[in-house]
Amino acid sequence: MTDRNDTPISMTRRAVLAAMAGGAATLAGCGGGAGGGADASAAPGGGGAVAAPGDFGTTTTSVAGISSGGTGSFATGVVTGLGSIILRGIRYDDSTARVDRDDDGVVGAVLPGMVVSVRGSSIVAASGADALPTATAMRICYASEWVGKVDAVDTANRTLTVLGQRIDVANAIFDGDALQLSAVTTSVYVEVHGYLDLSTGRLLATRVEVSTTAPAAFRLSGLVSGLDTNARTFRIGTALIAYDATLPLPLVWSNGQQVRVTLAPSQAAGTWQATRIRQRELVLPELQVEDHSEAEVEGTVTSVAGANAFTVNGITIDASAASIVGALVVGTTVEVHGTAVNGVIVATRVEIKTLAQVTQDFEFIGTVSNLNILTRTFSVKGVDFTYGLNARIDVLGWLTGATPLVRVKATQVNGVWVASEVRQA
C-alpha cells in the first residue's frame, strides 16, 4: 500500500502508456472531493508509482482555446469504443488528453465499459453517412465504483455480491482473469465500473475487471446512512463502516451524503475500517466555471427537485425547456442533451434509458493485425475479435490478408468480442 497526500496527479494518455510500459503509472484525482491524506488502493490489475503533482482545483489556464464563452464540449457516459475513444457517439482524439482518476486507483488506458467525463473541443459534424462526429479530448476523468472480494455469484439473475452489496452485471463487459460471469468464483476480486442506483443501493455494472490477486485496499461508494458520530460508524447499504477520530471527513458529513470510501481489505467483528472518506464526485471542475456549447450527460438521477430540476451524477440539470420522455425518479438512468451554462446543463432533451440501452454495441477504429481468415479472428486496438460467416466484411483485400484501417462493430458474448461488421475506415 502506497501513502500519498490529497493532491491530484495527472498525465496525458501517451505519457501514461509510456510510464506503464516502464513498469510505472500515476495516481490521480478528478478534484472536488474533501478529505486529507489517504491510502492509494491497488485495484485489481494495478501497480503503483508517482508523478509530479498538480492542483486541479486551482488550475486557471485554458486548454487549447476552450474557455468561458460557450465554446467546446462536455460529455459523460460509457466508453463504447476505441479509436481513440468513442463516447456518446462521438470519436474523441485522446492522444494529448489529461487523464485523471477519482478513486485512488492507478491511471491506465481508458477502456470499453468505463464511465468517463470528457472535456473537449467543439464537435465537428460527421463527414459522411458512415462517419462519426469528432472532437479533441482535453481532459478525461474516470473512476470505478467498487473494489472487493466476490461474496456470491448468481448466474441465473446475473448478479454479483461484493462487500455485501448487489451488482447487476447483465450488460457488463468482463475483463482480466474471468471473461464472463460463469467463470467468476468467490475466490476472486473485482473492480467494477458503472452507475449507482441510489433508489435500491445496487450498482449497475458496465465493466467488471476480475483478478485472482488481492488488492491492497477495497473501495465502496454510495449514500451514508445510520451515521453515529459518537461511535464513529456508518453504513453504505448493508456494510457497517468504522472510522478513526483522526480521519479527515468531507465538509458535509451527514446521512444521505454521497461518498467514496477506501477500506482496509479485511473486516474486524463484521465491521469494515475506513482509511479514506471523501465526497463522491465525477464532475470535472472546469464544468463549474466554463460554458460549453455542446453537452451530453449519461448517468443516474441522483436527486430530483421538481419536474424540471434534477441532478445526474451530481451535475445540475435545468430541464425547464426540455422535452422529457418518461418519469424522473432517483436512480433512473437518463441521457441528457443540451448546453453547459454556469455549471448547469441546460437541457433540450431528456431520455429515460435502460442499462441495456446504455451499453449495447461497441465500435473500434484502428489498423487490423493478426488476421486469420481460417479461424476468422483478428485484432484491432489491442482487442481480439472473432466473426461469423454472416458478419458483414467490407474491406478490400480481406481474403488476402490485408491490414487496413477499419471500423469494427462488435459485442462481447461469453467473454469473446464478436464482430458483426468490419468496414474500411
Protein backbone atom coordinates (compact mmCIF):
# COMPACT_ATOMS: atom_id res chain seq x y z
CA MET A 1 0.00 0.00 0.00
CA THR A 2 1.37 3.41 -1.00
CA ASP A 3 0.68 6.52 1.05
CA ARG A 4 0.09 9.83 -0.68
CA ASN A 5 -1.30 13.24 0.09
CA ASP A 6 -4.58 14.52 -1.30
CA THR A 7 -3.03 16.45 -4.18
CA PRO A 8 -4.33 15.16 -7.54
CA ILE A 9 -1.85 14.00 -10.16
CA SER A 10 -2.29 13.71 -13.90
CA MET A 11 -0.57 12.71 -17.13
CA THR A 12 -1.51 12.72 -20.78
CA ARG A 13 -2.65 9.37 -22.09
CA ARG A 14 0.54 8.92 -24.16
CA ALA A 15 2.65 9.68 -21.09
CA VAL A 16 0.58 7.22 -19.07
CA LEU A 17 1.11 4.45 -21.60
CA ALA A 18 4.84 5.18 -21.71
CA ALA A 19 5.02 5.08 -17.93
CA MET A 20 3.11 1.80 -17.81
CA ALA A 21 5.49 0.31 -20.35
CA GLY A 22 8.32 1.18 -17.97
CA GLY A 23 6.57 -0.52 -15.09
CA ALA A 24 5.02 2.63 -13.65
CA ALA A 25 1.74 4.51 -13.65
CA THR A 26 0.43 7.56 -11.87
CA LEU A 27 -2.16 8.25 -9.22
CA ALA A 28 -4.70 10.93 -9.89
CA GLY A 29 -7.92 12.53 -8.76
CA CYS A 30 -10.65 14.45 -10.54
CA GLY A 31 -10.85 17.11 -7.87
CA GLY A 32 -13.68 18.30 -5.66
CA GLY A 33 -13.63 15.56 -3.03
CA ALA A 34 -12.85 16.65 0.51
CA GLY A 35 -10.55 14.76 2.82
CA GLY A 36 -6.88 14.60 3.62
CA GLY A 37 -4.09 12.05 3.22
CA ALA A 38 -5.19 8.60 2.26
CA ASP A 39 -4.15 5.17 1.14
CA ALA A 40 -3.75 4.72 -2.58
CA SER A 41 -5.56 1.46 -3.13
CA ALA A 42 -4.16 -1.03 -5.61
CA ALA A 43 -7.17 -2.17 -7.57
CA PRO A 44 -7.07 -5.48 -9.43
CA GLY A 45 -4.53 -5.34 -12.19
CA GLY A 46 -2.97 -2.12 -10.88
CA GLY A 47 0.56 -1.17 -9.93
CA GLY A 48 1.95 1.92 -8.33
CA ALA A 49 4.31 4.82 -8.88
CA VAL A 50 4.26 8.57 -8.52
CA ALA A 51 4.41 11.57 -10.80
CA ALA A 52 4.74 15.28 -10.25
CA PRO A 53 1.57 16.64 -8.62
CA GLY A 54 -0.66 19.38 -9.97
CA ASP A 55 -3.53 21.08 -8.14
CA PHE A 56 -6.56 20.66 -10.40
CA GLY A 57 -8.71 22.73 -8.08
CA THR A 58 -6.68 25.88 -8.74
CA THR A 59 -5.96 25.45 -12.45
CA THR A 60 -6.67 28.71 -14.29
CA THR A 61 -5.06 28.18 -17.70
CA SER A 62 -7.47 27.41 -20.52
CA VAL A 63 -6.70 24.41 -22.70
CA ALA A 64 -6.49 24.61 -26.49
CA GLY A 65 -8.88 27.52 -26.80
CA ILE A 66 -11.61 26.10 -24.58
CA SER A 67 -12.62 28.79 -22.14
CA SER A 68 -15.74 30.54 -20.94
CA GLY A 69 -17.95 31.96 -23.62
CA GLY A 70 -19.85 28.98 -24.95
CA THR A 71 -17.12 27.02 -26.72
CA GLY A 72 -16.11 23.40 -26.50
CA SER A 73 -17.96 20.29 -25.39
CA PHE A 74 -18.60 18.29 -22.26
CA ALA A 75 -19.82 14.69 -22.13
CA THR A 76 -20.21 11.87 -19.65
CA GLY A 77 -21.19 8.28 -20.26
CA VAL A 78 -19.96 4.78 -21.05
CA VAL A 79 -16.99 4.35 -23.37
CA THR A 80 -18.48 2.41 -26.28
CA GLY A 81 -15.40 2.08 -28.43
CA LEU A 82 -11.74 2.75 -29.11
CA GLY A 83 -10.10 4.75 -31.82
CA SER A 84 -9.09 6.96 -29.89
CA ILE A 85 -12.16 6.69 -27.62
CA ILE A 86 -15.81 6.75 -28.61
CA LEU A 87 -18.28 8.30 -26.18
CA ARG A 88 -21.90 9.26 -26.78
CA GLY A 89 -21.41 8.51 -30.48
CA ILE A 90 -18.50 10.98 -30.74
CA ARG A 91 -14.96 9.96 -31.63
CA TYR A 92 -12.57 11.82 -29.31
CA ASP A 93 -8.87 12.07 -30.13
CA ASP A 94 -7.36 11.43 -26.68
CA SER A 95 -3.68 11.40 -27.71
CA THR A 96 -2.89 14.59 -25.78
CA ALA A 97 -5.65 14.42 -23.18
CA ARG A 98 -5.00 14.79 -19.47
CA VAL A 99 -6.27 11.57 -17.87
CA ASP A 100 -7.33 11.56 -14.21
CA ARG A 101 -8.85 9.06 -11.78
CA ASP A 102 -11.11 9.92 -8.87
CA ASP A 103 -10.95 6.65 -6.97
CA ASP A 104 -7.33 6.34 -5.74
CA GLY A 105 -6.60 3.80 -8.45
CA VAL A 106 -3.74 3.68 -10.94
CA VAL A 107 -4.18 5.72 -14.11
CA GLY A 108 -4.22 3.44 -17.14
CA ALA A 109 -5.78 3.21 -20.58
CA VAL A 110 -9.41 4.23 -20.98
CA LEU A 111 -11.23 1.03 -21.94
CA PRO A 112 -14.68 -0.05 -23.19
CA GLY A 113 -17.33 -0.08 -20.47
CA MET A 114 -15.69 2.57 -18.28
CA VAL A 115 -17.82 5.53 -17.23
CA VAL A 116 -15.95 8.73 -18.02
CA SER A 117 -16.33 12.50 -18.22
CA VAL A 118 -14.68 14.28 -21.15
CA ARG A 119 -13.94 17.95 -21.65
CA GLY A 120 -13.19 18.56 -25.30
CA SER A 121 -13.09 20.86 -28.26
CA SER A 122 -16.16 21.77 -30.22
CA ILE A 123 -17.67 18.77 -32.00
CA VAL A 124 -17.11 18.53 -35.75
CA ALA A 125 -20.03 17.03 -37.64
CA ALA A 126 -19.57 13.66 -39.34
CA SER A 127 -18.07 13.96 -42.81
CA GLY A 128 -20.21 11.22 -44.30
CA ALA A 129 -23.17 8.96 -43.69
CA ASP A 130 -20.91 6.27 -42.23
CA ALA A 131 -18.58 8.53 -40.26
CA LEU A 132 -18.73 9.67 -36.63
CA PRO A 133 -18.69 13.23 -35.27
CA THR A 134 -15.23 14.06 -33.94
CA ALA A 135 -13.65 16.21 -31.23
CA THR A 136 -10.34 16.51 -29.39
CA ALA A 137 -10.40 15.46 -25.75
CA MET A 138 -8.57 17.86 -23.44
CA ARG A 139 -9.30 16.11 -20.17
CA ILE A 140 -10.72 12.70 -19.32
CA CYS A 141 -11.88 11.83 -15.82
CA TYR A 142 -12.96 8.35 -14.76
CA ALA A 143 -13.43 6.21 -11.68
CA SER A 144 -14.52 2.72 -10.78
CA GLU A 145 -17.15 2.43 -8.07
CA TRP A 146 -16.47 -0.70 -6.02
CA VAL A 147 -13.44 -2.92 -5.38
CA GLY A 148 -13.64 -6.04 -3.24
CA LYS A 149 -13.81 -9.80 -2.95
CA VAL A 150 -16.75 -11.58 -4.52
CA ASP A 151 -19.15 -12.83 -1.81
CA ALA A 152 -21.63 -14.59 -4.08
CA VAL A 153 -22.34 -15.28 -7.76
CA ASP A 154 -25.88 -15.60 -9.13
CA THR A 155 -25.68 -16.68 -12.76
CA ALA A 156 -29.45 -17.04 -13.09
CA ASN A 157 -30.15 -13.42 -12.18
CA ARG A 158 -26.76 -12.23 -13.49
CA THR A 159 -25.65 -10.56 -10.28
CA LEU A 160 -22.59 -10.49 -8.06
CA THR A 161 -22.42 -9.67 -4.37
CA VAL A 162 -19.38 -7.67 -3.26
CA LEU A 163 -18.89 -6.13 0.20
CA GLY A 164 -22.43 -7.26 0.93
CA GLN A 165 -23.79 -5.20 -1.97
CA ARG A 166 -25.59 -6.34 -5.09
CA ILE A 167 -24.13 -5.70 -8.55
CA ASP A 168 -26.22 -6.13 -11.70
CA VAL A 169 -23.81 -7.41 -14.38
CA ALA A 170 -26.36 -8.30 -17.07
CA ASN A 171 -24.88 -5.79 -19.52
CA ALA A 172 -21.31 -5.52 -18.24
CA ILE A 173 -18.06 -6.06 -20.11
CA PHE A 174 -15.82 -8.60 -18.31
CA ASP A 175 -12.03 -8.44 -18.45
CA GLY A 176 -9.00 -9.83 -16.62
CA ASP A 177 -8.87 -13.28 -15.04
CA ALA A 178 -12.51 -14.09 -15.91
CA LEU A 179 -14.13 -13.06 -19.17
CA GLN A 180 -17.71 -13.98 -18.35
CA LEU A 181 -19.94 -14.31 -15.30
CA SER A 182 -19.86 -18.12 -15.32
CA ALA A 183 -16.09 -18.00 -14.79
CA VAL A 184 -16.32 -15.78 -11.70
CA THR A 185 -15.98 -17.51 -8.31
CA THR A 186 -15.95 -16.41 -4.68
CA SER A 187 -12.17 -16.68 -4.65
CA VAL A 188 -11.59 -13.68 -6.94
CA TYR A 189 -11.61 -9.91 -6.59
CA VAL A 190 -13.33 -7.39 -8.82
CA GLU A 191 -13.11 -3.72 -9.71
CA VAL A 192 -16.46 -2.53 -11.03
CA HIS A 193 -17.35 0.47 -13.18
CA GLY A 194 -20.93 1.55 -13.68
CA TYR A 195 -23.87 3.56 -12.37
CA LEU A 196 -25.12 3.66 -8.80
CA ASP A 197 -28.87 3.15 -8.48
CA LEU A 198 -29.44 5.22 -5.35
CA SER A 199 -33.05 4.11 -5.05
CA THR A 200 -32.05 0.47 -4.50
CA GLY A 201 -28.40 0.67 -3.48
CA ARG A 202 -27.44 -1.54 -6.42
CA LEU A 203 -24.58 -0.94 -8.78
CA LEU A 204 -25.50 -1.26 -12.47
CA ALA A 205 -22.19 -2.52 -13.82
CA THR A 206 -20.84 -1.51 -17.21
CA ARG A 207 -17.37 -3.05 -16.78
CA VAL A 208 -16.08 -5.73 -14.38
CA GLU A 209 -12.33 -6.27 -14.08
CA VAL A 210 -11.54 -9.61 -12.40
CA SER A 211 -8.31 -10.56 -10.62
CA THR A 212 -7.11 -13.53 -8.62
CA THR A 213 -4.73 -11.19 -6.77
CA ALA A 214 -6.00 -9.42 -3.67
CA PRO A 215 -5.84 -5.61 -3.86
CA ALA A 216 -4.14 -3.61 -1.13
CA ALA A 217 -7.45 -1.95 -0.27
CA PHE A 218 -11.16 -2.22 -1.04
CA ARG A 219 -13.44 0.61 -2.15
CA LEU A 220 -17.14 1.35 -1.82
CA SER A 221 -19.30 4.28 -2.89
CA GLY A 222 -22.86 5.20 -2.09
CA LEU A 223 -25.11 7.03 0.35
CA VAL A 224 -24.23 7.41 4.03
CA SER A 225 -26.88 6.00 6.38
CA GLY A 226 -27.06 5.13 10.06
CA LEU A 227 -24.37 7.67 10.90
CA ASP A 228 -23.28 7.54 14.57
CA THR A 229 -20.73 10.30 15.17
CA ASN A 230 -20.17 9.15 18.76
CA ALA A 231 -19.32 5.58 17.83
CA ARG A 232 -17.82 6.84 14.56
CA THR A 233 -19.67 4.32 12.40
CA PHE A 234 -21.98 4.50 9.39
CA ARG A 235 -23.37 2.28 6.67
CA ILE A 236 -23.32 2.13 2.91
CA GLY A 237 -26.07 -0.31 2.08
CA THR A 238 -25.59 -3.25 4.42
CA ALA A 239 -21.87 -2.61 5.02
CA LEU A 240 -21.04 -1.30 8.51
CA ILE A 241 -18.02 1.00 8.36
CA ALA A 242 -15.94 2.48 11.20
CA TYR A 243 -13.61 5.47 11.03
CA ASP A 244 -10.96 6.92 13.35
CA ALA A 245 -11.27 10.32 15.00
CA THR A 246 -8.18 11.50 13.11
CA LEU A 247 -9.55 10.60 9.66
CA PRO A 248 -10.37 13.72 7.59
CA LEU A 249 -14.05 13.83 6.63
CA PRO A 250 -15.99 15.53 3.82
CA LEU A 251 -17.08 19.09 4.53
CA VAL A 252 -20.66 17.86 4.59
CA TRP A 253 -20.81 14.80 6.83
CA SER A 254 -24.35 13.55 7.31
CA ASN A 255 -26.81 10.85 6.34
CA GLY A 256 -27.67 10.99 2.66
CA GLN A 257 -24.24 12.26 1.63
CA GLN A 258 -22.69 10.52 -1.38
CA VAL A 259 -19.18 9.34 -0.56
CA ARG A 260 -16.29 7.23 -1.81
CA VAL A 261 -14.68 5.17 0.92
CA THR A 262 -11.35 3.34 0.86
CA LEU A 263 -11.42 0.32 3.20
CA ALA A 264 -8.89 -1.96 4.83
CA PRO A 265 -9.23 -5.28 2.97
CA SER A 266 -10.46 -7.33 5.93
CA GLN A 267 -13.28 -6.97 8.44
CA ALA A 268 -13.00 -6.86 12.22
CA ALA A 269 -16.05 -8.20 14.06
CA GLY A 270 -18.21 -7.62 10.98
CA THR A 271 -17.05 -4.02 10.54
CA TRP A 272 -15.00 -2.51 7.73
CA GLN A 273 -12.35 0.06 8.69
CA ALA A 274 -12.26 3.20 6.55
CA THR A 275 -8.84 4.58 5.60
CA ARG A 276 -10.25 7.40 3.50
CA ILE A 277 -13.67 9.07 3.19
CA ARG A 278 -14.44 11.77 0.68
CA GLN A 279 -17.28 13.22 -1.29
CA ARG A 280 -18.15 11.19 -4.37
CA GLU A 281 -17.78 13.29 -7.48
CA LEU A 282 -17.22 12.51 -11.12
CA VAL A 283 -17.57 16.07 -12.32
CA LEU A 284 -14.73 17.96 -13.95
CA PRO A 285 -14.02 21.17 -12.00
CA GLU A 286 -13.99 23.15 -15.25
CA LEU A 287 -17.71 22.45 -15.69
CA GLN A 288 -18.38 24.70 -12.73
CA VAL A 289 -16.66 27.76 -14.26
CA GLU A 290 -16.84 27.38 -18.01
CA ASP A 291 -19.63 27.24 -20.55
CA HIS A 292 -19.81 24.61 -23.26
CA SER A 293 -21.96 24.94 -26.36
CA GLU A 294 -22.47 21.18 -26.51
CA ALA A 295 -23.10 18.95 -23.52
CA GLU A 296 -24.26 15.35 -23.28
CA VAL A 297 -24.68 13.64 -19.93
CA GLU A 298 -25.50 10.00 -19.33
CA GLY A 299 -25.86 8.60 -15.83
CA THR A 300 -28.23 8.08 -12.93
CA VAL A 301 -30.55 10.66 -11.43
CA THR A 302 -29.06 11.48 -8.02
CA SER A 303 -31.72 13.94 -6.83
CA VAL A 304 -35.00 15.46 -8.01
CA ALA A 305 -36.00 18.99 -7.00
CA GLY A 306 -39.07 19.25 -9.21
CA ALA A 307 -40.48 18.35 -12.57
CA ASN A 308 -37.81 20.36 -14.36
CA ALA A 309 -34.85 20.35 -11.97
CA PHE A 310 -32.71 17.36 -11.04
CA THR A 311 -29.11 16.17 -10.87
CA VAL A 312 -27.32 13.42 -12.79
CA ASN A 313 -24.15 12.09 -11.15
CA GLY A 314 -24.18 15.29 -9.11
CA ILE A 315 -24.47 17.54 -12.20
CA THR A 316 -27.34 20.04 -12.02
CA ILE A 317 -29.84 19.80 -14.88
CA ASP A 318 -32.26 22.58 -15.88
CA ALA A 319 -34.94 20.83 -17.92
CA SER A 320 -37.46 23.69 -17.97
CA ALA A 321 -37.19 23.98 -21.75
CA ALA A 322 -36.64 20.29 -22.46
CA SER A 323 -38.81 17.51 -23.73
CA ILE A 324 -38.75 14.65 -21.21
CA VAL A 325 -39.64 11.12 -22.24
CA GLY A 326 -40.53 9.04 -19.17
CA ALA A 327 -40.76 9.68 -15.42
CA LEU A 328 -37.81 11.06 -13.47
CA VAL A 329 -37.06 9.33 -10.16
CA VAL A 330 -33.86 8.92 -8.16
CA GLY A 331 -31.83 6.03 -9.53
CA THR A 332 -33.22 6.24 -13.07
CA THR A 333 -30.66 6.07 -15.88
CA VAL A 334 -31.03 9.06 -18.19
CA GLU A 335 -29.49 10.69 -21.23
CA VAL A 336 -29.44 14.49 -21.32
CA HIS A 337 -28.62 16.70 -24.31
CA GLY A 338 -28.08 20.44 -24.07
CA THR A 339 -25.51 23.11 -23.24
CA ALA A 340 -23.46 23.88 -20.14
CA VAL A 341 -24.06 27.36 -18.69
CA ASN A 342 -22.54 28.49 -15.38
CA GLY A 343 -22.02 24.91 -14.24
CA VAL A 344 -25.58 23.84 -15.10
CA ILE A 345 -26.64 21.65 -18.02
CA VAL A 346 -29.50 23.46 -19.77
CA ALA A 347 -31.27 20.52 -21.35
CA THR A 348 -33.03 20.43 -24.68
CA ARG A 349 -33.88 16.73 -24.46
CA VAL A 350 -34.02 14.18 -21.62
CA GLU A 351 -34.49 10.47 -22.28
CA ILE A 352 -35.08 7.73 -19.72
CA LYS A 353 -32.98 4.68 -20.60
CA THR A 354 -32.48 1.12 -19.50
CA LEU A 355 -28.95 -0.10 -18.82
CA ALA A 356 -29.22 -2.35 -21.87
CA GLN A 357 -29.74 0.77 -23.99
CA VAL A 358 -26.68 2.39 -22.43
CA THR A 359 -24.28 -0.41 -23.27
CA GLN A 360 -25.44 -2.01 -26.49
CA ASP A 361 -22.98 -2.06 -29.40
CA PHE A 362 -19.31 -1.13 -29.27
CA GLU A 363 -17.19 0.25 -32.06
CA PHE A 364 -13.43 0.08 -32.61
CA ILE A 365 -11.40 2.04 -35.17
CA GLY A 366 -7.84 1.03 -35.93
CA THR A 367 -5.46 -0.99 -38.06
CA VAL A 368 -6.08 -4.73 -38.43
CA SER A 369 -3.45 -7.13 -37.08
CA ASN A 370 -3.22 -10.91 -36.54
CA LEU A 371 -5.80 -11.57 -39.25
CA ASN A 372 -6.54 -15.26 -39.77
CA ILE A 373 -9.33 -15.91 -42.27
CA LEU A 374 -9.36 -19.64 -41.46
CA THR A 375 -10.15 -19.16 -37.77
CA ARG A 376 -11.98 -15.89 -38.55
CA THR A 377 -10.03 -13.91 -35.96
CA PHE A 378 -8.19 -10.58 -35.94
CA SER A 379 -7.15 -7.76 -33.63
CA VAL A 380 -7.75 -4.00 -33.57
CA LYS A 381 -6.53 -1.57 -30.88
CA GLY A 382 -5.18 -4.49 -28.87
CA VAL A 383 -8.60 -6.19 -28.73
CA ASP A 384 -9.05 -9.69 -30.18
CA PHE A 385 -12.15 -10.38 -32.28
CA THR A 386 -13.84 -13.32 -33.89
CA TYR A 387 -16.52 -13.15 -36.57
CA GLY A 388 -19.10 -15.49 -38.01
CA LEU A 389 -19.98 -16.43 -41.56
CA ASN A 390 -22.82 -13.89 -41.55
CA ALA A 391 -20.65 -10.97 -40.46
CA ARG A 392 -20.50 -8.08 -42.90
CA ILE A 393 -16.92 -7.70 -44.18
CA ASP A 394 -16.48 -4.67 -46.43
CA VAL A 395 -12.68 -4.44 -46.69
CA LEU A 396 -10.65 -4.60 -49.89
CA GLY A 397 -8.15 -7.46 -49.85
CA TRP A 398 -9.55 -9.04 -46.67
CA LEU A 399 -9.23 -12.58 -48.01
CA THR A 400 -5.62 -11.98 -48.98
CA GLY A 401 -4.59 -10.76 -45.56
CA ALA A 402 -4.92 -7.01 -45.96
CA THR A 403 -4.33 -4.93 -42.81
CA PRO A 404 -6.05 -1.61 -43.47
CA LEU A 405 -7.62 0.93 -41.13
CA VAL A 406 -11.09 -0.38 -40.29
CA ARG A 407 -14.22 0.25 -38.23
CA VAL A 408 -15.43 -2.75 -36.28
CA LYS A 409 -18.85 -3.08 -34.67
CA ALA A 410 -18.89 -5.78 -32.02
CA THR A 411 -20.44 -7.09 -28.82
CA GLN A 412 -18.94 -9.22 -26.06
CA VAL A 413 -20.55 -12.68 -26.00
CA ASN A 414 -19.50 -15.09 -23.25
CA GLY A 415 -16.26 -13.21 -22.82
CA VAL A 416 -15.43 -13.08 -26.54
CA TRP A 417 -15.60 -9.99 -28.73
CA VAL A 418 -17.74 -10.95 -31.73
CA ALA A 419 -17.64 -8.62 -34.73
CA SER A 420 -20.86 -8.17 -36.65
CA GLU A 421 -19.42 -5.70 -39.13
CA VAL A 422 -15.94 -4.76 -40.40
CA ARG A 423 -15.68 -1.80 -42.78
CA GLN A 424 -12.78 0.08 -44.27
CA ALA A 425 -12.37 3.36 -42.39
